[in-house]
C-alpha atoms as a PDB file:
ATOM      1  CA  MET A   1     -15.453 -47.112  10.844  1.00  0.00           C
ATOM      2  CA  THR A   2     -18.908 -48.101  12.099  1.00  0.00           C
ATOM      3  CA  ARG A   3     -21.875 -45.778  11.706  1.00  0.00           C
ATOM      4  CA  PRO A   4     -21.988 -44.875  15.458  1.00  0.00           C
ATOM      5  CA  LEU A   5     -18.272 -43.990  15.360  1.00  0.00           C
ATOM      6  CA  ARG A   6     -18.741 -41.862  12.253  1.00  0.00           C
ATOM      7  CA  ALA A   7     -21.634 -40.048  13.906  1.00  0.00           C
ATOM      8  CA  ALA A   8     -19.589 -39.497  17.041  1.00  0.00           C
ATOM      9  CA  GLY A   9     -16.662 -38.181  14.993  1.00  0.00           C
ATOM     10  CA  LEU A  10     -18.905 -35.758  13.114  1.00  0.00           C
ATOM     11  CA  ALA A  11     -20.410 -34.510  16.354  1.00  0.00           C
ATOM     12  CA  LEU A  12     -16.947 -33.903  17.826  1.00  0.00           C
ATOM     13  CA  ALA A  13     -15.834 -32.042  14.687  1.00  0.00           C
ATOM     14  CA  LEU A  14     -18.900 -29.798  14.818  1.00  0.00           C
ATOM     15  CA  LEU A  15     -18.279 -29.064  18.474  1.00  0.00           C
ATOM     16  CA  ALA A  16     -14.556 -28.470  17.952  1.00  0.00           C
ATOM     17  CA  GLY A  17     -15.043 -25.948  15.108  1.00  0.00           C
ATOM     18  CA  PRO A  18     -16.619 -23.120  17.152  1.00  0.00           C
ATOM     19  CA  ALA A  19     -14.433 -23.921  20.142  1.00  0.00           C
ATOM     20  CA  ALA A  20     -11.293 -23.658  18.026  1.00  0.00           C
ATOM     21  CA  ALA A  21     -12.484 -20.366  16.519  1.00  0.00           C
ATOM     22  CA  GLN A  22     -13.291 -18.936  19.943  1.00  0.00           C
ATOM     23  CA  ASP A  23      -9.844 -19.994  21.151  1.00  0.00           C
ATOM     24  CA  TYR A  24      -8.140 -18.207  18.251  1.00  0.00           C
ATOM     25  CA  PRO A  25      -5.208 -17.899  18.047  1.00  0.00           C
ATOM     26  CA  ASN A  26      -3.792 -20.935  19.823  1.00  0.00           C
ATOM     27  CA  ARG A  27      -0.593 -21.243  17.760  1.00  0.00           C
ATOM     28  CA  PRO A  28       1.724 -18.901  15.797  1.00  0.00           C
ATOM     29  CA  VAL A  29       0.244 -16.875  12.923  1.00  0.00           C
ATOM     30  CA  ARG A  30       2.136 -16.309   9.676  1.00  0.00           C
ATOM     31  CA  ILE A  31       1.926 -13.009   7.779  1.00  0.00           C
ATOM     32  CA  VAL A  32       3.168 -13.296   4.195  1.00  0.00           C
ATOM     33  CA  LEU A  33       4.623 -10.172   2.551  1.00  0.00           C
ATOM     34  CA  PRO A  34       5.125  -9.645  -1.195  1.00  0.00           C
ATOM     35  CA  PHE A  35       8.314  -7.662  -0.440  1.00  0.00           C
ATOM     36  CA  GLY A  36      11.825  -8.343   0.736  1.00  0.00           C
ATOM     37  CA  ALA A  37      12.987  -7.644   4.265  1.00  0.00           C
ATOM     38  CA  GLY A  38      13.995  -4.167   5.377  1.00  0.00           C
ATOM     39  CA  GLY A  39      11.595  -1.986   3.407  1.00  0.00           C
ATOM     40  CA  VAL A  40       8.928   0.299   4.839  1.00  0.00           C
ATOM     41  CA  ALA A  41       6.137  -2.259   4.356  1.00  0.00           C
ATOM     42  CA  ASP A  42       8.253  -4.968   5.980  1.00  0.00           C
ATOM     43  CA  ILE A  43       9.104  -2.844   9.016  1.00  0.00           C
ATOM     44  CA  THR A  44       5.473  -1.717   9.329  1.00  0.00           C
ATOM     45  CA  ALA A  45       4.303  -5.335   9.335  1.00  0.00           C
ATOM     46  CA  ARG A  46       6.913  -6.301  11.922  1.00  0.00           C
ATOM     47  CA  VAL A  47       5.965  -3.437  14.254  1.00  0.00           C
ATOM     48  CA  VAL A  48       2.299  -4.431  14.079  1.00  0.00           C
ATOM     49  CA  ALA A  49       3.042  -8.169  14.263  1.00  0.00           C
ATOM     50  CA  GLU A  50       5.041  -7.776  17.468  1.00  0.00           C
ATOM     51  CA  ARG A  51       2.226  -5.898  19.180  1.00  0.00           C
ATOM     52  CA  LEU A  52      -0.410  -8.309  17.864  1.00  0.00           C
ATOM     53  CA  GLY A  53       1.597 -11.114  19.429  1.00  0.00           C
ATOM     54  CA  ASP A  54       1.636  -9.298  22.756  1.00  0.00           C
ATOM     55  CA  ARG A  55      -2.087  -8.621  22.502  1.00  0.00           C
ATOM     56  CA  LEU A  56      -3.214 -12.087  21.478  1.00  0.00           C
ATOM     57  CA  GLY A  57      -0.634 -14.229  23.245  1.00  0.00           C
ATOM     58  CA  GLN A  58       0.830 -15.896  20.155  1.00  0.00           C
ATOM     59  CA  ARG A  59       3.747 -15.116  17.845  1.00  0.00           C
ATOM     60  CA  PHE A  60       2.974 -13.376  14.565  1.00  0.00           C
ATOM     61  CA  VAL A  61       5.760 -14.395  12.186  1.00  0.00           C
ATOM     62  CA  ILE A  62       6.685 -12.410   9.067  1.00  0.00           C
ATOM     63  CA  GLU A  63       7.523 -14.365   5.915  1.00  0.00           C
ATOM     64  CA  ASN A  64       8.934 -12.432   2.950  1.00  0.00           C
ATOM     65  CA  ILE A  65       8.090 -13.821  -0.497  1.00  0.00           C
ATOM     66  CA  PRO A  66       8.932 -11.041  -2.990  1.00  0.00           C
ATOM     67  CA  GLY A  67       8.612 -11.082  -6.747  1.00  0.00           C
ATOM     68  CA  ALA A  68       6.177 -11.398  -9.658  1.00  0.00           C
ATOM     69  CA  GLY A  69       4.067  -8.401  -8.672  1.00  0.00           C
ATOM     70  CA  GLY A  70       2.904 -10.071  -5.485  1.00  0.00           C
ATOM     71  CA  ILE A  71       1.765 -13.247  -7.239  1.00  0.00           C
ATOM     72  CA  ALA A  72       4.198 -15.558  -5.423  1.00  0.00           C
ATOM     73  CA  ALA A  73       3.109 -14.287  -2.018  1.00  0.00           C
ATOM     74  CA  ALA A  74      -0.571 -14.534  -2.938  1.00  0.00           C
ATOM     75  CA  ARG A  75      -0.145 -18.123  -4.073  1.00  0.00           C
ATOM     76  CA  ALA A  76       1.567 -19.019  -0.810  1.00  0.00           C
ATOM     77  CA  VAL A  77      -1.316 -17.608   1.202  1.00  0.00           C
ATOM     78  CA  LEU A  78      -4.066 -19.119  -0.939  1.00  0.00           C
ATOM     79  CA  SER A  79      -2.462 -22.565  -0.827  1.00  0.00           C
ATOM     80  CA  ALA A  80      -2.634 -22.555   2.985  1.00  0.00           C
ATOM     81  CA  GLN A  81      -5.592 -23.677   5.052  1.00  0.00           C
ATOM     82  CA  PRO A  82      -8.072 -20.797   5.513  1.00  0.00           C
ATOM     83  CA  ASP A  83      -7.977 -21.100   9.283  1.00  0.00           C
ATOM     84  CA  GLY A  84      -6.689 -17.693  10.316  1.00  0.00           C
ATOM     85  CA  TYR A  85      -3.091 -18.821  10.740  1.00  0.00           C
ATOM     86  CA  THR A  86      -1.836 -17.575   7.363  1.00  0.00           C
ATOM     87  CA  LEU A  87      -2.480 -13.934   6.495  1.00  0.00           C
ATOM     88  CA  ALA A  88      -1.444 -11.681   3.619  1.00  0.00           C
ATOM     89  CA  LEU A  89      -0.118  -8.155   3.603  1.00  0.00           C
ATOM     90  CA  VAL A  90      -1.998  -6.563   0.715  1.00  0.00           C
ATOM     91  CA  THR A  91      -1.113  -3.114  -0.592  1.00  0.00           C
ATOM     92  CA  ASN A  92      -2.282  -0.732  -3.266  1.00  0.00           C
ATOM     93  CA  GLY A  93       0.349  -2.529  -5.371  1.00  0.00           C
ATOM     94  CA  THR A  94      -2.112  -5.402  -5.590  1.00  0.00           C
ATOM     95  CA  ALA A  95      -4.654  -3.015  -7.087  1.00  0.00           C
ATOM     96  CA  VAL A  96      -2.038  -1.815  -9.568  1.00  0.00           C
ATOM     97  CA  SER A  97      -1.141  -5.403 -10.533  1.00  0.00           C
ATOM     98  CA  ALA A  98      -4.777  -6.071 -11.411  1.00  0.00           C
ATOM     99  CA  GLY A  99      -4.473  -3.432 -14.134  1.00  0.00           C
ATOM    100  CA  LEU A 100      -0.930  -4.265 -15.249  1.00  0.00           C
ATOM    101  CA  PHE A 101      -1.360  -8.011 -15.842  1.00  0.00           C
ATOM    102  CA  LYS A 102      -3.511  -9.549 -18.548  1.00  0.00           C
ATOM    103  CA  SER A 103      -4.709 -11.969 -15.923  1.00  0.00           C
ATOM    104  CA  LEU A 104      -3.776 -12.922 -12.393  1.00  0.00           C
ATOM    105  CA  PRO A 105      -3.802 -16.483 -11.032  1.00  0.00           C
ATOM    106  CA  PHE A 106      -6.071 -15.242  -8.269  1.00  0.00           C
ATOM    107  CA  ASP A 107      -8.961 -12.828  -7.805  1.00  0.00           C
ATOM    108  CA  PRO A 108      -7.889 -10.152  -5.306  1.00  0.00           C
ATOM    109  CA  LEU A 109     -11.486  -9.216  -4.548  1.00  0.00           C
ATOM    110  CA  ASN A 110     -12.962 -12.688  -4.145  1.00  0.00           C
ATOM    111  CA  ASP A 111     -10.125 -15.015  -3.132  1.00  0.00           C
ATOM    112  CA  PHE A 112      -9.248 -12.942  -0.064  1.00  0.00           C
ATOM    113  CA  VAL A 113     -11.309 -11.557   2.795  1.00  0.00           C
ATOM    114  CA  PRO A 114     -10.345  -8.209   4.358  1.00  0.00           C
ATOM    115  CA  ILE A 115      -9.295  -7.751   7.971  1.00  0.00           C
ATOM    116  CA  SER A 116      -8.128  -4.138   8.406  1.00  0.00           C
ATOM    117  CA  SER A 117      -5.895  -1.481   6.976  1.00  0.00           C
ATOM    118  CA  LEU A 118      -2.620  -0.873   8.813  1.00  0.00           C
ATOM    119  CA  GLY A 119      -1.564   2.505   7.501  1.00  0.00           C
ATOM    120  CA  THR A 120      -1.525   5.004   4.666  1.00  0.00           C
ATOM    121  CA  PHE A 121       0.964   7.392   3.130  1.00  0.00           C
ATOM    122  CA  ASP A 122       0.933  10.041   0.443  1.00  0.00           C
ATOM    123  CA  PHE A 123       3.559  10.641  -2.174  1.00  0.00           C
ATOM    124  CA  VAL A 124       5.414  13.929  -2.497  1.00  0.00           C
ATOM    125  CA  VAL A 125       5.966  16.006  -5.618  1.00  0.00           C
ATOM    126  CA  ALA A 126       9.335  17.682  -5.148  1.00  0.00           C
ATOM    127  CA  THR A 127      11.915  19.654  -7.081  1.00  0.00           C
ATOM    128  CA  GLY A 128      15.559  20.651  -6.712  1.00  0.00           C
ATOM    129  CA  ALA A 129      16.373  23.218  -4.057  1.00  0.00           C
ATOM    130  CA  ASP A 130      17.270  25.964  -6.555  1.00  0.00           C
ATOM    131  CA  SER A 131      14.545  25.121  -9.066  1.00  0.00           C
ATOM    132  CA  ALA A 132      12.554  27.945 -10.632  1.00  0.00           C
ATOM    133  CA  PHE A 133       9.370  26.141  -9.602  1.00  0.00           C
ATOM    134  CA  ARG A 134       8.222  27.534  -6.268  1.00  0.00           C
ATOM    135  CA  THR A 135       4.778  25.933  -6.155  1.00  0.00           C
ATOM    136  CA  MET A 136       2.870  23.059  -7.705  1.00  0.00           C
ATOM    137  CA  ALA A 137       0.774  25.626  -9.542  1.00  0.00           C
ATOM    138  CA  ASP A 138       3.996  26.815 -11.225  1.00  0.00           C
ATOM    139  CA  VAL A 139       4.647  23.280 -12.455  1.00  0.00           C
ATOM    140  CA  VAL A 140       1.134  22.869 -13.861  1.00  0.00           C
ATOM    141  CA  ALA A 141       1.242  26.293 -15.527  1.00  0.00           C
ATOM    142  CA  PHE A 142       4.620  25.572 -17.140  1.00  0.00           C
ATOM    143  CA  ALA A 143       3.506  22.173 -18.415  1.00  0.00           C
ATOM    144  CA  ARG A 144       0.322  23.678 -19.805  1.00  0.00           C
ATOM    145  CA  ALA A 145       2.224  26.448 -21.615  1.00  0.00           C
ATOM    146  CA  ASN A 146       5.036  24.139 -22.776  1.00  0.00           C
ATOM    147  CA  PRO A 147       3.568  20.726 -23.657  1.00  0.00           C
ATOM    148  CA  GLY A 148       6.147  17.929 -23.444  1.00  0.00           C
ATOM    149  CA  LYS A 149       8.993  20.069 -22.079  1.00  0.00           C
ATOM    150  CA  LEU A 150       8.635  19.245 -18.393  1.00  0.00           C
ATOM    151  CA  ASN A 151      10.401  16.089 -17.126  1.00  0.00           C
ATOM    152  CA  ALA A 152       9.136  14.140 -14.109  1.00  0.00           C
ATOM    153  CA  GLY A 153      11.203  11.387 -12.507  1.00  0.00           C
ATOM    154  CA  THR A 154       9.672   8.255 -10.975  1.00  0.00           C
ATOM    155  CA  ILE A 155      10.721   4.684 -10.384  1.00  0.00           C
ATOM    156  CA  ASN A 156       9.896   2.014 -12.953  1.00  0.00           C
ATOM    157  CA  VAL A 157       6.930   2.032 -15.313  1.00  0.00           C
ATOM    158  CA  GLY A 158       3.859   0.587 -13.614  1.00  0.00           C
ATOM    159  CA  SER A 159       4.883   1.551 -10.088  1.00  0.00           C
ATOM    160  CA  THR A 160       2.394   3.561  -8.059  1.00  0.00           C
ATOM    161  CA  GLN A 161       4.726   6.564  -8.309  1.00  0.00           C
ATOM    162  CA  ASN A 162       4.873   6.214 -12.076  1.00  0.00           C
ATOM    163  CA  LEU A 163       1.114   5.841 -12.393  1.00  0.00           C
ATOM    164  CA  SER A 164       0.644   8.829 -10.077  1.00  0.00           C
ATOM    165  CA  ALA A 165       2.500  10.905 -12.667  1.00  0.00           C
ATOM    166  CA  GLU A 166       0.352   9.448 -15.444  1.00  0.00           C
ATOM    167  CA  LEU A 167      -2.771  10.312 -13.458  1.00  0.00           C
ATOM    168  CA  LEU A 168      -1.493  13.870 -13.008  1.00  0.00           C
ATOM    169  CA  LYS A 169      -1.343  14.251 -16.790  1.00  0.00           C
ATOM    170  CA  SER A 170      -4.989  13.360 -17.275  1.00  0.00           C
ATOM    171  CA  ALA A 171      -6.315  15.062 -14.130  1.00  0.00           C
ATOM    172  CA  ALA A 172      -4.560  18.369 -14.913  1.00  0.00           C
ATOM    173  CA  GLY A 173      -4.971  18.116 -18.678  1.00  0.00           C
ATOM    174  CA  ILE A 174      -1.252  18.583 -19.286  1.00  0.00           C
ATOM    175  CA  GLN A 175       1.504  16.784 -21.168  1.00  0.00           C
ATOM    176  CA  PHE A 176       4.997  16.107 -19.839  1.00  0.00           C
ATOM    177  CA  GLN A 177       7.697  13.486 -20.088  1.00  0.00           C
ATOM    178  CA  ILE A 178       7.902  10.816 -17.411  1.00  0.00           C
ATOM    179  CA  VAL A 179      11.452   9.531 -16.919  1.00  0.00           C
ATOM    180  CA  PRO A 180      11.467   6.097 -15.245  1.00  0.00           C
ATOM    181  CA  PHE A 181      14.445   5.006 -13.151  1.00  0.00           C
ATOM    182  CA  ARG A 182      15.288   1.530 -11.862  1.00  0.00           C
ATOM    183  CA  ALA A 183      15.400   2.473  -8.196  1.00  0.00           C
ATOM    184  CA  THR A 184      14.480   5.254  -5.781  1.00  0.00           C
ATOM    185  CA  PRO A 185      18.070   6.461  -5.121  1.00  0.00           C
ATOM    186  CA  GLU A 186      18.465   7.160  -8.838  1.00  0.00           C
ATOM    187  CA  VAL A 187      15.268   9.249  -8.829  1.00  0.00           C
ATOM    188  CA  LEU A 188      16.478  11.261  -5.855  1.00  0.00           C
ATOM    189  CA  ILE A 189      19.895  11.891  -7.418  1.00  0.00           C
ATOM    190  CA  ALA A 190      18.230  13.028 -10.645  1.00  0.00           C
ATOM    191  CA  GLY A 191      16.070  15.467  -8.677  1.00  0.00           C
ATOM    192  CA  VAL A 192      18.981  16.902  -6.707  1.00  0.00           C
ATOM    193  CA  ARG A 193      21.082  17.279  -9.862  1.00  0.00           C
ATOM    194  CA  LYS A 194      18.144  18.785 -11.781  1.00  0.00           C
ATOM    195  CA  ASP A 195      18.315  16.018 -14.372  1.00  0.00           C
ATOM    196  CA  VAL A 196      14.525  16.043 -13.966  1.00  0.00           C
ATOM    197  CA  ASP A 197      12.340  19.053 -13.221  1.00  0.00           C
ATOM    198  CA  VAL A 198      10.221  17.312 -10.593  1.00  0.00           C
ATOM    199  CA  LEU A 199      10.041  13.889  -9.005  1.00  0.00           C
ATOM    200  CA  ILE A 200       7.369  11.831  -7.267  1.00  0.00           C
ATOM    201  CA  GLU A 201       8.357   9.565  -4.372  1.00  0.00           C
ATOM    202  CA  ASN A 202       7.275   8.746  -0.838  1.00  0.00           C
ATOM    203  CA  TYR A 203       8.232  10.965   2.069  1.00  0.00           C
ATOM    204  CA  ALA A 204      10.339   8.319   3.818  1.00  0.00           C
ATOM    205  CA  ALA A 205      12.629   8.091   0.786  1.00  0.00           C
ATOM    206  CA  MET A 206      12.877  11.874   0.397  1.00  0.00           C
ATOM    207  CA  ARG A 207      13.079  12.867   4.045  1.00  0.00           C
ATOM    208  CA  ALA A 208      16.866  13.279   4.327  1.00  0.00           C
ATOM    209  CA  ASN A 209      17.073  15.336   1.129  1.00  0.00           C
ATOM    210  CA  LEU A 210      14.124  17.494   2.193  1.00  0.00           C
ATOM    211  CA  GLN A 211      15.624  18.104   5.621  1.00  0.00           C
ATOM    212  CA  ASP A 212      19.043  18.892   4.136  1.00  0.00           C
ATOM    213  CA  GLY A 213      17.471  21.355   1.728  1.00  0.00           C
ATOM    214  CA  LYS A 214      18.599  19.479  -1.376  1.00  0.00           C
ATOM    215  CA  LEU A 215      14.999  18.945  -2.449  1.00  0.00           C
ATOM    216  CA  ARG A 216      11.917  21.109  -1.917  1.00  0.00           C
ATOM    217  CA  ALA A 217       8.425  19.671  -1.490  1.00  0.00           C
ATOM    218  CA  LEU A 218       5.866  21.285  -3.786  1.00  0.00           C
ATOM    219  CA  ALA A 219       2.791  19.203  -3.013  1.00  0.00           C
ATOM    220  CA  THR A 220       1.521  15.984  -1.505  1.00  0.00           C
ATOM    221  CA  THR A 221      -0.733  13.659  -3.449  1.00  0.00           C
ATOM    222  CA  GLY A 222      -3.524  12.847  -1.001  1.00  0.00           C
ATOM    223  CA  GLY A 223      -6.937  14.465  -0.864  1.00  0.00           C
ATOM    224  CA  THR A 224      -6.061  16.148   2.440  1.00  0.00           C
ATOM    225  CA  LYS A 225      -2.812  17.560   3.812  1.00  0.00           C
ATOM    226  CA  SER A 226      -0.209  15.042   4.935  1.00  0.00           C
ATOM    227  CA  VAL A 227       0.352  14.742   8.690  1.00  0.00           C
ATOM    228  CA  LEU A 228       4.069  14.604   7.870  1.00  0.00           C
ATOM    229  CA  LEU A 229       4.172  17.812   5.808  1.00  0.00           C
ATOM    230  CA  LYS A 230       1.401  19.929   7.253  1.00  0.00           C
ATOM    231  CA  ASP A 231       2.613  23.127   5.609  1.00  0.00           C
ATOM    232  CA  VAL A 232       2.794  21.636   2.122  1.00  0.00           C
ATOM    233  CA  PRO A 233      -0.356  21.970  -0.009  1.00  0.00           C
ATOM    234  CA  THR A 234      -1.950  19.067  -1.822  1.00  0.00           C
ATOM    235  CA  VAL A 235      -2.012  18.694  -5.595  1.00  0.00           C
ATOM    236  CA  GLN A 236      -5.746  19.394  -5.375  1.00  0.00           C
ATOM    237  CA  GLU A 237      -5.061  22.684  -3.607  1.00  0.00           C
ATOM    238  CA  ALA A 238      -2.777  23.580  -6.502  1.00  0.00           C
ATOM    239  CA  GLY A 239      -5.852  23.453  -8.731  1.00  0.00           C
ATOM    240  CA  VAL A 240      -5.853  19.849  -9.985  1.00  0.00           C
ATOM    241  CA  GLU A 241      -9.404  18.933  -9.089  1.00  0.00           C
ATOM    242  CA  GLY A 242     -10.067  15.363  -7.975  1.00  0.00           C
ATOM    243  CA  TYR A 243      -6.422  14.305  -7.798  1.00  0.00           C
ATOM    244  CA  ASP A 244      -6.041  11.926  -4.870  1.00  0.00           C
ATOM    245  CA  VAL A 245      -3.333   9.283  -4.530  1.00  0.00           C
ATOM    246  CA  VAL A 246      -2.855   7.543  -1.199  1.00  0.00           C
ATOM    247  CA  SER A 247      -0.819   4.384  -0.817  1.00  0.00           C
ATOM    248  CA  TRP A 248      -1.868   1.862   1.820  1.00  0.00           C
ATOM    249  CA  ASN A 249      -1.185  -1.529   3.313  1.00  0.00           C
ATOM    250  CA  ALA A 250      -3.604  -3.915   4.983  1.00  0.00           C
ATOM    251  CA  LEU A 251      -4.123  -7.417   6.310  1.00  0.00           C
ATOM    252  CA  PHE A 252      -6.247  -9.884   4.370  1.00  0.00           C
ATOM    253  CA  ALA A 253      -6.884 -13.611   4.808  1.00  0.00           C
ATOM    254  CA  PRO A 254      -7.789 -16.437   2.408  1.00  0.00           C
ATOM    255  CA  ARG A 255     -11.473 -16.783   1.594  1.00  0.00           C
ATOM    256  CA  GLY A 256     -13.108 -19.213   3.993  1.00  0.00           C
ATOM    257  CA  THR A 257     -11.259 -17.994   7.061  1.00  0.00           C
ATOM    258  CA  PRO A 258     -13.613 -18.216  10.074  1.00  0.00           C
ATOM    259  CA  ARG A 259     -15.485 -15.007  10.799  1.00  0.00           C
ATOM    260  CA  GLU A 260     -14.503 -15.208  14.459  1.00  0.00           C
ATOM    261  CA  ALA A 261     -10.806 -15.105  13.518  1.00  0.00           C
ATOM    262  CA  ILE A 262     -11.357 -12.111  11.218  1.00  0.00           C
ATOM    263  CA  GLU A 263     -13.227 -10.232  13.943  1.00  0.00           C
ATOM    264  CA  THR A 264     -10.594 -11.045  16.567  1.00  0.00           C
ATOM    265  CA  LEU A 265      -7.847  -9.764  14.293  1.00  0.00           C
ATOM    266  CA  ASN A 266      -9.781  -6.639  13.325  1.00  0.00           C
ATOM    267  CA  ARG A 267     -10.271  -5.678  16.956  1.00  0.00           C
ATOM    268  CA  ALA A 268      -6.655  -6.419  17.854  1.00  0.00           C
ATOM    269  CA  VAL A 269      -5.278  -4.415  14.911  1.00  0.00           C
ATOM    270  CA  ALA A 270      -7.405  -1.400  15.886  1.00  0.00           C
ATOM    271  CA  GLU A 271      -6.147  -1.634  19.472  1.00  0.00           C
ATOM    272  CA  VAL A 272      -2.523  -1.932  18.365  1.00  0.00           C
ATOM    273  CA  LEU A 273      -2.691   0.984  15.929  1.00  0.00           C
ATOM    274  CA  ALA A 274      -4.245   3.186  18.607  1.00  0.00           C
ATOM    275  CA  MET A 275      -1.145   2.796  20.797  1.00  0.00           C
ATOM    276  CA  PRO A 276       0.869   6.069  20.916  1.00  0.00           C
ATOM    277  CA  ALA A 277       4.171   4.168  20.666  1.00  0.00           C
ATOM    278  CA  VAL A 278       3.012   2.361  17.525  1.00  0.00           C
ATOM    279  CA  LYS A 279       1.692   5.565  15.966  1.00  0.00           C
ATOM    280  CA  GLU A 280       5.002   7.296  16.630  1.00  0.00           C
ATOM    281  CA  ARG A 281       7.053   4.390  15.298  1.00  0.00           C
ATOM    282  CA  LEU A 282       5.057   4.196  12.060  1.00  0.00           C
ATOM    283  CA  LEU A 283       5.082   7.963  11.629  1.00  0.00           C
ATOM    284  CA  GLY A 284       8.853   7.747  11.764  1.00  0.00           C
ATOM    285  CA  LEU A 285       8.609   5.448   8.741  1.00  0.00           C
ATOM    286  CA  GLY A 286       6.390   7.930   6.924  1.00  0.00           C
ATOM    287  CA  ILE A 287       3.240   5.894   7.630  1.00  0.00           C
ATOM    288  CA  GLU A 288       0.079   7.198   9.254  1.00  0.00           C
ATOM    289  CA  ALA A 289      -1.288   4.370  11.406  1.00  0.00           C
ATOM    290  CA  LYS A 290      -4.870   3.782  10.348  1.00  0.00           C
ATOM    291  CA  ALA A 291      -7.156   0.859  11.151  1.00  0.00           C
ATOM    292  CA  SER A 292     -10.391   0.286   9.250  1.00  0.00           C
ATOM    293  CA  THR A 293     -13.430  -1.905   9.125  1.00  0.00           C
ATOM    294  CA  ALA A 294     -13.207  -4.902   6.835  1.00  0.00           C
ATOM    295  CA  ARG A 295     -15.714  -3.303   4.484  1.00  0.00           C
ATOM    296  CA  GLU A 296     -13.766  -0.040   4.253  1.00  0.00           C
ATOM    297  CA  ILE A 297     -10.524  -1.659   3.137  1.00  0.00           C
ATOM    298  CA  GLN A 298     -12.377  -3.952   0.719  1.00  0.00           C
ATOM    299  CA  GLU A 299     -13.963  -0.909  -0.908  1.00  0.00           C
ATOM    300  CA  ARG A 300     -10.602   0.839  -1.057  1.00  0.00           C
ATOM    301  CA  LEU A 301      -9.130  -2.162  -2.880  1.00  0.00           C
ATOM    302  CA  ARG A 302     -12.094  -2.254  -5.261  1.00  0.00           C
ATOM    303  CA  SER A 303     -11.946   1.456  -6.083  1.00  0.00           C
ATOM    304  CA  ASP A 304      -8.164   1.426  -6.530  1.00  0.00           C
ATOM    305  CA  ILE A 305      -8.340  -1.519  -8.931  1.00  0.00           C
ATOM    306  CA  ALA A 306     -10.806   0.472 -11.054  1.00  0.00           C
ATOM    307  CA  LYS A 307      -8.746   3.674 -10.822  1.00  0.00           C
ATOM    308  CA  TRP A 308      -5.357   2.198 -11.688  1.00  0.00           C
ATOM    309  CA  SER A 309      -6.720  -0.059 -14.427  1.00  0.00           C
ATOM    310  CA  LYS A 310      -8.087   3.056 -16.124  1.00  0.00           C
ATOM    311  CA  VAL A 311      -4.776   4.904 -15.715  1.00  0.00           C
ATOM    312  CA  VAL A 312      -2.829   1.970 -17.178  1.00  0.00           C
ATOM    313  CA  GLU A 313      -5.168   1.868 -20.157  1.00  0.00           C
ATOM    314  CA  GLN A 314      -5.069   5.619 -20.780  1.00  0.00           C
ATOM    315  CA  ALA A 315      -1.273   5.652 -20.522  1.00  0.00           C
ATOM    316  CA  GLY A 316      -0.996   2.853 -23.077  1.00  0.00           C
ATOM    317  CA  ILE A 317       1.181   0.726 -20.807  1.00  0.00           C
ATOM    318  CA  PRO A 318       1.385  -2.804 -22.292  1.00  0.00           C
ATOM    319  CA  LYS A 319      -0.089  -5.454 -20.022  1.00  0.00           C
ATOM    320  CA  GLN A 320       2.254  -8.195 -18.880  1.00  0.00           C
END
C-alpha cells in the first residue's frame, strides 16, 4: 500500500472509531453468564436483556458458560474484542472466587470495567416451624452458652451462604457447626426435618416453605430490612454488630471497551430497572432491582473481595 493510501486508511479508521461508538449498538450484544440456564441469575439477566434490546434497538443474547467458579465465562469474555458487544454478568461469587482460588487466570478488578449493578438480595436465616428458637437473638444466645452444639445448614463449602455462616461465627463471637449440603433442596429438607437447627439460603429458594409454614424466618442478612420480608429483623438488629451480607449481580465489560458504550449501557440499565414491570418481575424472583454508577459497583466488588478473602482465611478453607 502506498503512503497516501495508508494515510487515507488511518484517517478513515480514526473517523470511524467515534462514529461507531456513537452508533452503539448497531448489532446484537452477547451477555455471558457463569451459570446454567434457569436459575435466578439467568432469569434476571434475561429479563433485563429483553428490555435492553427494546430500549437500544438490538438483541441482547444470553450465553450460559457455567463451571470452574466463573473462570470459563470470564475467559470467554476476555478473549472477545473489547468493543461493547460482549459483556459479562459478574456476581458476588466472583469476589468469593478471588479468595477461594490460589490464583485466577484474570484480574477481576483490572481486566474488567464496570457498567452497572442489576439487583441485590439478602439471605435468610431460618429454622423449622416448631423450633424452640423464636428469634435470631435466641440462636446467638444458645450458641454462646453451648459452643459447638448448634448446627447450621448451608450449601457447599465456599458458597456465599456457607461463608455467610462463617462470617456469623466471627462477627457474633460464637462457635457452631456448619453442615454443608450439595444442593439447596437438601438444605431445605434438613431445615424442615430439624436435621439442622438453622439454615441460611436465599428467599427465592425458601419462599414456598416459608409461606407453607414449614420454615420460619428469624433474620435477614443485609444491613437494612429486606423489602421481601419487611417484618423480619436483620442479623444486626439481633445484636450482631456490623454483620452485613448482600448478594448482587452486575454487568461488566472487558477492559478497553469504549467509554461511550459503557455510558450508553449504564443509562439504559438504569432506565430498564426503573420500569415498574421489571421491578415487579425481579421482586418475584427475590431480587431487588438496583442500578448503580460504574464506580459504585466497582467499589462493591473491591470491598467484597477483601471481605470474603478474610473470611476464607479465618475459616481455614483450603484454597483451590
